[in-house]
PDB file of all heavy atoms in Angstrom:
ATOM      1  N   TYR A   1      10.682  14.854   2.768  1.00  0.00           N
ATOM      2  CA  TYR A   1       9.799  15.913   2.258  1.00  0.00           C
ATOM      3  C   TYR A   1       8.429  15.369   1.868  1.00  0.00           C
ATOM      4  O   TYR A   1       7.797  15.876   0.959  1.00  0.00           O
ATOM      5  CB  TYR A   1      10.456  16.643   1.065  1.00  0.00           C
ATOM      6  CG  TYR A   1      11.817  17.191   1.383  1.00  0.00           C
ATOM      7  CD1 TYR A   1      12.975  16.577   0.925  1.00  0.00           C
ATOM      8  CD2 TYR A   1      11.950  18.320   2.185  1.00  0.00           C
ATOM      9  CE1 TYR A   1      14.225  17.068   1.255  1.00  0.00           C
ATOM     10  CE2 TYR A   1      13.196  18.819   2.516  1.00  0.00           C
ATOM     11  CZ  TYR A   1      14.334  18.193   2.051  1.00  0.00           C
ATOM     12  OH  TYR A   1      15.579  18.682   2.384  1.00  0.00           O
ATOM     13  N   GLN A   2       7.971  14.307   2.572  1.00  0.00           N
ATOM     14  CA  GLN A   2       6.689  13.724   2.183  1.00  0.00           C
ATOM     15  C   GLN A   2       5.517  14.673   2.405  1.00  0.00           C
ATOM     16  O   GLN A   2       4.468  14.534   1.781  1.00  0.00           O
ATOM     17  CB  GLN A   2       6.422  12.396   2.901  1.00  0.00           C
ATOM     18  CG  GLN A   2       6.426  12.449   4.407  1.00  0.00           C
ATOM     19  CD  GLN A   2       7.713  11.903   4.965  1.00  0.00           C
ATOM     20  OE1 GLN A   2       8.780  12.193   4.458  1.00  0.00           O
ATOM     21  NE2 GLN A   2       7.622  11.114   6.021  1.00  0.00           N
ATOM     22  N   HIS A   3       5.691  15.671   3.286  1.00  0.00           N
ATOM     23  CA  HIS A   3       4.612  16.633   3.521  1.00  0.00           C
ATOM     24  C   HIS A   3       4.671  17.798   2.534  1.00  0.00           C
ATOM     25  O   HIS A   3       3.761  18.619   2.493  1.00  0.00           O
ATOM     26  CB  HIS A   3       4.661  17.149   4.962  1.00  0.00           C
ATOM     27  CG  HIS A   3       4.577  16.051   5.978  1.00  0.00           C
ATOM     28  ND1 HIS A   3       3.451  15.259   6.107  1.00  0.00           N
ATOM     29  CD2 HIS A   3       5.485  15.580   6.881  1.00  0.00           C
ATOM     30  CE1 HIS A   3       3.658  14.361   7.060  1.00  0.00           C
ATOM     31  NE2 HIS A   3       4.876  14.526   7.528  1.00  0.00           N
ATOM     32  N   ASP A   4       5.734  17.859   1.735  1.00  0.00           N
ATOM     33  CA  ASP A   4       5.905  18.968   0.792  1.00  0.00           C
ATOM     34  C   ASP A   4       5.491  18.606  -0.624  1.00  0.00           C
ATOM     35  O   ASP A   4       5.303  19.476  -1.457  1.00  0.00           O
ATOM     36  CB  ASP A   4       7.385  19.419   0.770  1.00  0.00           C
ATOM     37  CG  ASP A   4       7.887  19.818   2.144  1.00  0.00           C
ATOM     38  OD1 ASP A   4       7.697  20.971   2.526  1.00  0.00           O
ATOM     39  OD2 ASP A   4       8.458  18.963   2.843  1.00  0.00           O
ATOM     40  N   VAL A   5       5.374  17.318  -0.910  1.00  0.00           N
ATOM     41  CA  VAL A   5       5.077  16.888  -2.284  1.00  0.00           C
ATOM     42  C   VAL A   5       3.574  16.809  -2.499  1.00  0.00           C
ATOM     43  O   VAL A   5       2.785  16.891  -1.551  1.00  0.00           O
ATOM     44  CB  VAL A   5       5.737  15.523  -2.609  1.00  0.00           C
ATOM     45  CG1 VAL A   5       7.239  15.611  -2.448  1.00  0.00           C
ATOM     46  CG2 VAL A   5       5.172  14.405  -1.738  1.00  0.00           C
ATOM     47  N   ASP A   6       3.171  16.623  -3.749  1.00  0.00           N
ATOM     48  CA  ASP A   6       1.757  16.485  -4.115  1.00  0.00           C
ATOM     49  C   ASP A   6       1.161  15.303  -3.348  1.00  0.00           C
ATOM     50  O   ASP A   6       1.518  14.144  -3.583  1.00  0.00           O
ATOM     51  CB  ASP A   6       1.667  16.249  -5.631  1.00  0.00           C
ATOM     52  CG  ASP A   6       0.237  16.160  -6.133  1.00  0.00           C
ATOM     53  OD1 ASP A   6      -0.581  15.483  -5.487  1.00  0.00           O
ATOM     54  OD2 ASP A   6      -0.048  16.741  -7.191  1.00  0.00           O
ATOM     55  N   GLN A   7       0.253  15.591  -2.418  1.00  0.00           N
ATOM     56  CA  GLN A   7      -0.256  14.565  -1.501  1.00  0.00           C
ATOM     57  C   GLN A   7      -1.098  13.501  -2.203  1.00  0.00           C
ATOM     58  O   GLN A   7      -1.040  12.324  -1.857  1.00  0.00           O
ATOM     59  CB  GLN A   7      -1.065  15.224  -0.379  1.00  0.00           C
ATOM     60  CG  GLN A   7      -0.228  16.073   0.558  1.00  0.00           C
ATOM     61  CD  GLN A   7       0.894  15.299   1.237  1.00  0.00           C
ATOM     62  OE1 GLN A   7       0.648  14.418   2.039  1.00  0.00           O
ATOM     63  NE2 GLN A   7       2.140  15.619   0.921  1.00  0.00           N
ATOM     64  N   SER A   8      -1.864  13.921  -3.196  1.00  0.00           N
ATOM     65  CA  SER A   8      -2.696  12.959  -3.935  1.00  0.00           C
ATOM     66  C   SER A   8      -1.822  11.981  -4.721  1.00  0.00           C
ATOM     67  O   SER A   8      -2.044  10.765  -4.702  1.00  0.00           O
ATOM     68  CB  SER A   8      -3.630  13.718  -4.883  1.00  0.00           C
ATOM     69  OG  SER A   8      -4.326  12.832  -5.704  1.00  0.00           O
ATOM     70  N   LYS A   9      -0.801  12.530  -5.392  1.00  0.00           N
ATOM     71  CA  LYS A   9       0.111  11.694  -6.185  1.00  0.00           C
ATOM     72  C   LYS A   9       0.892  10.742  -5.266  1.00  0.00           C
ATOM     73  O   LYS A   9       1.085   9.569  -5.591  1.00  0.00           O
ATOM     74  CB  LYS A   9       1.078  12.595  -6.961  1.00  0.00           C
ATOM     75  CG  LYS A   9       1.775  11.914  -8.110  1.00  0.00           C
ATOM     76  CD  LYS A   9       2.772  12.846  -8.784  1.00  0.00           C
ATOM     77  CE  LYS A   9       2.123  13.767  -9.765  1.00  0.00           C
ATOM     78  NZ  LYS A   9       3.127  14.532 -10.553  1.00  0.00           N
ATOM     79  N   LEU A  10       1.330  11.273  -4.110  1.00  0.00           N
ATOM     80  CA  LEU A  10       2.072  10.455  -3.139  1.00  0.00           C
ATOM     81  C   LEU A  10       1.204   9.302  -2.641  1.00  0.00           C
ATOM     82  O   LEU A  10       1.647   8.150  -2.619  1.00  0.00           O
ATOM     83  CB  LEU A  10       2.531  11.323  -1.963  1.00  0.00           C
ATOM     84  CG  LEU A  10       3.202  10.595  -0.792  1.00  0.00           C
ATOM     85  CD1 LEU A  10       4.521   9.963  -1.226  1.00  0.00           C
ATOM     86  CD2 LEU A  10       3.439  11.540   0.385  1.00  0.00           C
ATOM     87  N   GLN A  11      -0.035   9.614  -2.264  1.00  0.00           N
ATOM     88  CA  GLN A  11      -0.929   8.582  -1.732  1.00  0.00           C
ATOM     89  C   GLN A  11      -1.195   7.488  -2.758  1.00  0.00           C
ATOM     90  O   GLN A  11      -1.171   6.297  -2.445  1.00  0.00           O
ATOM     91  CB  GLN A  11      -2.249   9.220  -1.287  1.00  0.00           C
ATOM     92  CG  GLN A  11      -3.098   8.307  -0.409  1.00  0.00           C
ATOM     93  CD  GLN A  11      -2.408   7.927   0.899  1.00  0.00           C
ATOM     94  OE1 GLN A  11      -2.003   8.797   1.662  1.00  0.00           O
ATOM     95  NE2 GLN A  11      -2.245   6.636   1.151  1.00  0.00           N
ATOM     96  N   ASN A  12      -1.436   7.896  -4.003  1.00  0.00           N
ATOM     97  CA  ASN A  12      -1.695   6.920  -5.074  1.00  0.00           C
ATOM     98  C   ASN A  12      -0.504   5.989  -5.279  1.00  0.00           C
ATOM     99  O   ASN A  12      -0.657   4.771  -5.419  1.00  0.00           O
ATOM    100  CB  ASN A  12      -2.010   7.642  -6.391  1.00  0.00           C
ATOM    101  CG  ASN A  12      -3.378   8.281  -6.383  1.00  0.00           C
ATOM    102  OD1 ASN A  12      -4.225   7.920  -5.581  1.00  0.00           O
ATOM    103  ND2 ASN A  12      -3.598   9.250  -7.257  1.00  0.00           N
ATOM    104  N   GLU A  13       0.701   6.587  -5.292  1.00  0.00           N
ATOM    105  CA  GLU A  13       1.917   5.796  -5.515  1.00  0.00           C
ATOM    106  C   GLU A  13       2.159   4.827  -4.366  1.00  0.00           C
ATOM    107  O   GLU A  13       2.482   3.661  -4.576  1.00  0.00           O
ATOM    108  CB  GLU A  13       3.119   6.740  -5.668  1.00  0.00           C
ATOM    109  CG  GLU A  13       4.415   6.060  -6.052  1.00  0.00           C
ATOM    110  CD  GLU A  13       4.425   5.498  -7.465  1.00  0.00           C
ATOM    111  OE1 GLU A  13       3.667   5.994  -8.324  1.00  0.00           O
ATOM    112  OE2 GLU A  13       5.200   4.557  -7.713  1.00  0.00           O
ATOM    113  N   LEU A  14       1.981   5.309  -3.130  1.00  0.00           N
ATOM    114  CA  LEU A  14       2.219   4.452  -1.967  1.00  0.00           C
ATOM    115  C   LEU A  14       1.183   3.333  -1.880  1.00  0.00           C
ATOM    116  O   LEU A  14       1.509   2.201  -1.525  1.00  0.00           O
ATOM    117  CB  LEU A  14       2.219   5.284  -0.681  1.00  0.00           C
ATOM    118  CG  LEU A  14       3.307   6.365  -0.582  1.00  0.00           C
ATOM    119  CD1 LEU A  14       3.280   7.032   0.785  1.00  0.00           C
ATOM    120  CD2 LEU A  14       4.695   5.813  -0.864  1.00  0.00           C
ATOM    121  N   ASP A  15      -0.065   3.655  -2.232  1.00  0.00           N
ATOM    122  CA  ASP A  15      -1.110   2.614  -2.242  1.00  0.00           C
ATOM    123  C   ASP A  15      -0.765   1.518  -3.243  1.00  0.00           C
ATOM    124  O   ASP A  15      -0.968   0.329  -2.978  1.00  0.00           O
ATOM    125  CB  ASP A  15      -2.469   3.229  -2.596  1.00  0.00           C
ATOM    126  CG  ASP A  15      -3.086   3.988  -1.433  1.00  0.00           C
ATOM    127  OD1 ASP A  15      -2.598   3.825  -0.303  1.00  0.00           O
ATOM    128  OD2 ASP A  15      -4.044   4.753  -1.660  1.00  0.00           O
ATOM    129  N   MET A  16      -0.235   1.940  -4.410  1.00  0.00           N
ATOM    130  CA  MET A  16       0.157   0.962  -5.432  1.00  0.00           C
ATOM    131  C   MET A  16       1.301   0.081  -4.950  1.00  0.00           C
ATOM    132  O   MET A  16       1.334  -1.122  -5.209  1.00  0.00           O
ATOM    133  CB  MET A  16       0.553   1.684  -6.723  1.00  0.00           C
ATOM    134  CG  MET A  16      -0.636   2.153  -7.543  1.00  0.00           C
ATOM    135  SD  MET A  16      -0.145   2.977  -9.070  1.00  0.00           S
ATOM    136  CE  MET A  16       0.588   1.613  -9.973  1.00  0.00           C
ATOM    137  N   VAL A  17       2.245   0.686  -4.205  1.00  0.00           N
ATOM    138  CA  VAL A  17       3.383  -0.073  -3.671  1.00  0.00           C
ATOM    139  C   VAL A  17       2.891  -1.111  -2.662  1.00  0.00           C
ATOM    140  O   VAL A  17       3.288  -2.277  -2.712  1.00  0.00           O
ATOM    141  CB  VAL A  17       4.419   0.865  -3.005  1.00  0.00           C
ATOM    142  CG1 VAL A  17       5.442   0.066  -2.201  1.00  0.00           C
ATOM    143  CG2 VAL A  17       5.134   1.695  -4.053  1.00  0.00           C
ATOM    144  N   VAL A  18       2.020  -0.678  -1.752  1.00  0.00           N
ATOM    145  CA  VAL A  18       1.491  -1.600  -0.741  1.00  0.00           C
ATOM    146  C   VAL A  18       0.736  -2.746  -1.421  1.00  0.00           C
ATOM    147  O   VAL A  18       0.926  -3.920  -1.092  1.00  0.00           O
ATOM    148  CB  VAL A  18       0.573  -0.866   0.264  1.00  0.00           C
ATOM    149  CG1 VAL A  18      -0.012  -1.861   1.267  1.00  0.00           C
ATOM    150  CG2 VAL A  18       1.349   0.215   1.007  1.00  0.00           C
ATOM    151  N   GLN A  19      -0.102  -2.395  -2.400  1.00  0.00           N
ATOM    152  CA  GLN A  19      -0.860  -3.418  -3.120  1.00  0.00           C
ATOM    153  C   GLN A  19       0.072  -4.403  -3.818  1.00  0.00           C
ATOM    154  O   GLN A  19      -0.132  -5.623  -3.773  1.00  0.00           O
ATOM    155  CB  GLN A  19      -1.788  -2.758  -4.152  1.00  0.00           C
ATOM    156  CG  GLN A  19      -2.728  -3.757  -4.822  1.00  0.00           C
ATOM    157  CD  GLN A  19      -3.567  -3.148  -5.925  1.00  0.00           C
ATOM    158  OE1 GLN A  19      -3.051  -2.449  -6.789  1.00  0.00           O
ATOM    159  NE2 GLN A  19      -4.854  -3.410  -5.923  1.00  0.00           N
ATOM    160  N   SER A  20       1.125  -3.871  -4.444  1.00  0.00           N
ATOM    161  CA  SER A  20       2.094  -4.722  -5.140  1.00  0.00           C
ATOM    162  C   SER A  20       2.771  -5.684  -4.169  1.00  0.00           C
ATOM    163  O   SER A  20       2.896  -6.884  -4.449  1.00  0.00           O
ATOM    164  CB  SER A  20       3.139  -3.848  -5.846  1.00  0.00           C
ATOM    165  OG  SER A  20       4.188  -4.632  -6.350  1.00  0.00           O
ATOM    166  N   CYS A  21       3.205  -5.164  -3.020  1.00  0.00           N
ATOM    167  CA  CYS A  21       3.910  -5.999  -2.027  1.00  0.00           C
ATOM    168  C   CYS A  21       2.996  -7.079  -1.460  1.00  0.00           C
ATOM    169  O   CYS A  21       3.382  -8.243  -1.352  1.00  0.00           O
ATOM    170  CB  CYS A  21       4.448  -5.125  -0.896  1.00  0.00           C
ATOM    171  SG  CYS A  21       5.790  -4.020  -1.397  1.00  0.00           S
ATOM    172  N   VAL A  22       1.785  -6.679  -1.081  1.00  0.00           N
ATOM    173  CA  VAL A  22       0.834  -7.636  -0.484  1.00  0.00           C
ATOM    174  C   VAL A  22       0.542  -8.770  -1.457  1.00  0.00           C
ATOM    175  O   VAL A  22       0.552  -9.949  -1.087  1.00  0.00           O
ATOM    176  CB  VAL A  22      -0.473  -6.914  -0.074  1.00  0.00           C
ATOM    177  CG1 VAL A  22      -1.558  -7.935   0.290  1.00  0.00           C
ATOM    178  CG2 VAL A  22      -0.218  -5.984   1.106  1.00  0.00           C
ATOM    179  N   ASN A  23       0.311  -8.427  -2.722  1.00  0.00           N
ATOM    180  CA  ASN A  23      -0.047  -9.457  -3.703  1.00  0.00           C
ATOM    181  C   ASN A  23       1.153 -10.287  -4.156  1.00  0.00           C
ATOM    182  O   ASN A  23       0.989 -11.448  -4.540  1.00  0.00           O
ATOM    183  CB  ASN A  23      -0.749  -8.814  -4.895  1.00  0.00           C
ATOM    184  CG  ASN A  23      -2.139  -8.328  -4.528  1.00  0.00           C
ATOM    185  OD1 ASN A  23      -3.047  -9.117  -4.324  1.00  0.00           O
ATOM    186  ND2 ASN A  23      -2.306  -7.022  -4.393  1.00  0.00           N
ATOM    187  N   SER A  24       2.351  -9.721  -4.114  1.00  0.00           N
ATOM    188  CA  SER A  24       3.535 -10.504  -4.496  1.00  0.00           C
ATOM    189  C   SER A  24       3.875 -11.545  -3.433  1.00  0.00           C
ATOM    190  O   SER A  24       4.404 -12.609  -3.730  1.00  0.00           O
ATOM    191  CB  SER A  24       4.740  -9.585  -4.749  1.00  0.00           C
ATOM    192  OG  SER A  24       5.126  -8.913  -3.569  1.00  0.00           O
ATOM    193  N   VAL A  25       3.536 -11.246  -2.166  1.00  0.00           N
ATOM    194  CA  VAL A  25       3.797 -12.184  -1.070  1.00  0.00           C
ATOM    195  C   VAL A  25       2.629 -13.165  -0.911  1.00  0.00           C
ATOM    196  O   VAL A  25       2.822 -14.345  -0.657  1.00  0.00           O
ATOM    197  CB  VAL A  25       4.034 -11.423   0.257  1.00  0.00           C
ATOM    198  CG1 VAL A  25       4.060 -12.379   1.454  1.00  0.00           C
ATOM    199  CG2 VAL A  25       5.344 -10.646   0.183  1.00  0.00           C
ATOM    200  N   GLY A  26       1.407 -12.661  -1.109  1.00  0.00           N
ATOM    201  CA  GLY A  26       0.223 -13.486  -0.874  1.00  0.00           C
ATOM    202  C   GLY A  26      -0.265 -13.335   0.558  1.00  0.00           C
ATOM    203  O   GLY A  26       0.489 -12.917   1.445  1.00  0.00           O
ATOM    204  N   VAL A  27      -1.534 -13.673   0.790  1.00  0.00           N
ATOM    205  CA  VAL A  27      -2.135 -13.438   2.106  1.00  0.00           C
ATOM    206  C   VAL A  27      -2.855 -14.696   2.597  1.00  0.00           C
ATOM    207  O   VAL A  27      -3.624 -15.307   1.857  1.00  0.00           O
ATOM    208  CB  VAL A  27      -3.143 -12.258   2.015  1.00  0.00           C
ATOM    209  CG1 VAL A  27      -3.969 -12.144   3.284  1.00  0.00           C
ATOM    210  CG2 VAL A  27      -2.415 -10.953   1.735  1.00  0.00           C
ATOM    211  N   ASN A  28      -2.575 -15.059   3.840  1.00  0.00           N
ATOM    212  CA  ASN A  28      -3.290 -16.171   4.481  1.00  0.00           C
ATOM    213  C   ASN A  28      -4.676 -15.666   4.876  1.00  0.00           C
ATOM    214  O   ASN A  28      -4.823 -14.888   5.825  1.00  0.00           O
ATOM    215  CB  ASN A  28      -2.521 -16.646   5.713  1.00  0.00           C
ATOM    216  CG  ASN A  28      -3.171 -17.851   6.375  1.00  0.00           C
ATOM    217  OD1 ASN A  28      -4.359 -18.105   6.211  1.00  0.00           O
ATOM    218  ND2 ASN A  28      -2.384 -18.599   7.139  1.00  0.00           N
ATOM    219  N   ILE A  29      -5.694 -16.077   4.158  1.00  0.00           N
ATOM    220  CA  ILE A  29      -7.050 -15.554   4.359  1.00  0.00           C
ATOM    221  C   ILE A  29      -7.608 -15.884   5.737  1.00  0.00           C
ATOM    222  O   ILE A  29      -8.505 -15.197   6.235  1.00  0.00           O
ATOM    223  CB  ILE A  29      -8.001 -16.067   3.249  1.00  0.00           C
ATOM    224  CG1 ILE A  29      -9.299 -15.255   3.237  1.00  0.00           C
ATOM    225  CG2 ILE A  29      -8.254 -17.566   3.389  1.00  0.00           C
ATOM    226  CD1 ILE A  29     -10.203 -15.531   2.061  1.00  0.00           C
ATOM    227  N   ASN A  30      -7.058 -16.899   6.398  1.00  0.00           N
ATOM    228  CA  ASN A  30      -7.585 -17.305   7.702  1.00  0.00           C
ATOM    229  C   ASN A  30      -6.965 -16.569   8.882  1.00  0.00           C
ATOM    230  O   ASN A  30      -7.466 -16.673  10.007  1.00  0.00           O
ATOM    231  CB  ASN A  30      -7.423 -18.819   7.888  1.00  0.00           C
ATOM    232  CG  ASN A  30      -8.442 -19.592   7.070  1.00  0.00           C
ATOM    233  OD1 ASN A  30      -9.585 -19.182   6.960  1.00  0.00           O
ATOM    234  ND2 ASN A  30      -8.012 -20.692   6.475  1.00  0.00           N
ATOM    235  N   THR A  31      -5.880 -15.831   8.653  1.00  0.00           N
ATOM    236  CA  THR A  31      -5.247 -15.103   9.764  1.00  0.00           C
ATOM    237  C   THR A  31      -5.107 -13.609   9.490  1.00  0.00           C
ATOM    238  O   THR A  31      -4.881 -12.829  10.416  1.00  0.00           O
ATOM    239  CB  THR A  31      -3.839 -15.665  10.061  1.00  0.00           C
ATOM    240  OG1 THR A  31      -3.027 -15.557   8.878  1.00  0.00           O
ATOM    241  CG2 THR A  31      -3.900 -17.114  10.511  1.00  0.00           C
ATOM    242  N   ALA A  32      -5.252 -13.178   8.249  1.00  0.00           N
ATOM    243  CA  ALA A  32      -4.996 -11.783   7.878  1.00  0.00           C
ATOM    244  C   ALA A  32      -6.034 -10.828   8.470  1.00  0.00           C
ATOM    245  O   ALA A  32      -7.214 -11.142   8.563  1.00  0.00           O
ATOM    246  CB  ALA A  32      -4.979 -11.640   6.358  1.00  0.00           C
ATOM    247  N   SER A  33      -5.557  -9.636   8.858  1.00  0.00           N
ATOM    248  CA  SER A  33      -6.452  -8.576   9.336  1.00  0.00           C
ATOM    249  C   SER A  33      -7.191  -7.974   8.140  1.00  0.00           C
ATOM    250  O   SER A  33      -6.782  -8.160   6.989  1.00  0.00           O
ATOM    251  CB  SER A  33      -5.635  -7.475  10.020  1.00  0.00           C
ATOM    252  OG  SER A  33      -4.785  -6.837   9.064  1.00  0.00           O
ATOM    253  N   HIS A  34      -8.267  -7.240   8.416  1.00  0.00           N
ATOM    254  CA  HIS A  34      -8.991  -6.623   7.297  1.00  0.00           C
ATOM    255  C   HIS A  34      -8.131  -5.557   6.618  1.00  0.00           C
ATOM    256  O   HIS A  34      -8.298  -5.281   5.430  1.00  0.00           O
ATOM    257  CB  HIS A  34     -10.353  -6.062   7.738  1.00  0.00           C
ATOM    258  CG  HIS A  34     -10.288  -4.880   8.652  1.00  0.00           C
ATOM    259  ND1 HIS A  34      -9.999  -3.607   8.229  1.00  0.00           N
ATOM    260  CD2 HIS A  34     -10.506  -4.789   9.989  1.00  0.00           C
ATOM    261  CE1 HIS A  34     -10.043  -2.780   9.253  1.00  0.00           C
ATOM    262  NE2 HIS A  34     -10.330  -3.470  10.331  1.00  0.00           N
ATOM    263  N   SER A  35      -7.165  -4.964   7.366  1.00  0.00           N
ATOM    264  CA  SER A  35      -6.246  -3.980   6.768  1.00  0.00           C
ATOM    265  C   SER A  35      -5.408  -4.632   5.672  1.00  0.00           C
ATOM    266  O   SER A  35      -5.250  -4.083   4.583  1.00  0.00           O
ATOM    267  CB  SER A  35      -5.304  -3.404   7.834  1.00  0.00           C
ATOM    268  OG  SER A  35      -6.028  -2.840   8.882  1.00  0.00           O
TER     269      SER A  35
END
């Protein structure tokens, strides 16, 4: 039901999850994409 829920709240939560995962793993600055 991702299209039925509050889209702004969903986007904020998912962005936070992605940010948390990326930073918990760490990023190789020499190979990582800009995404």
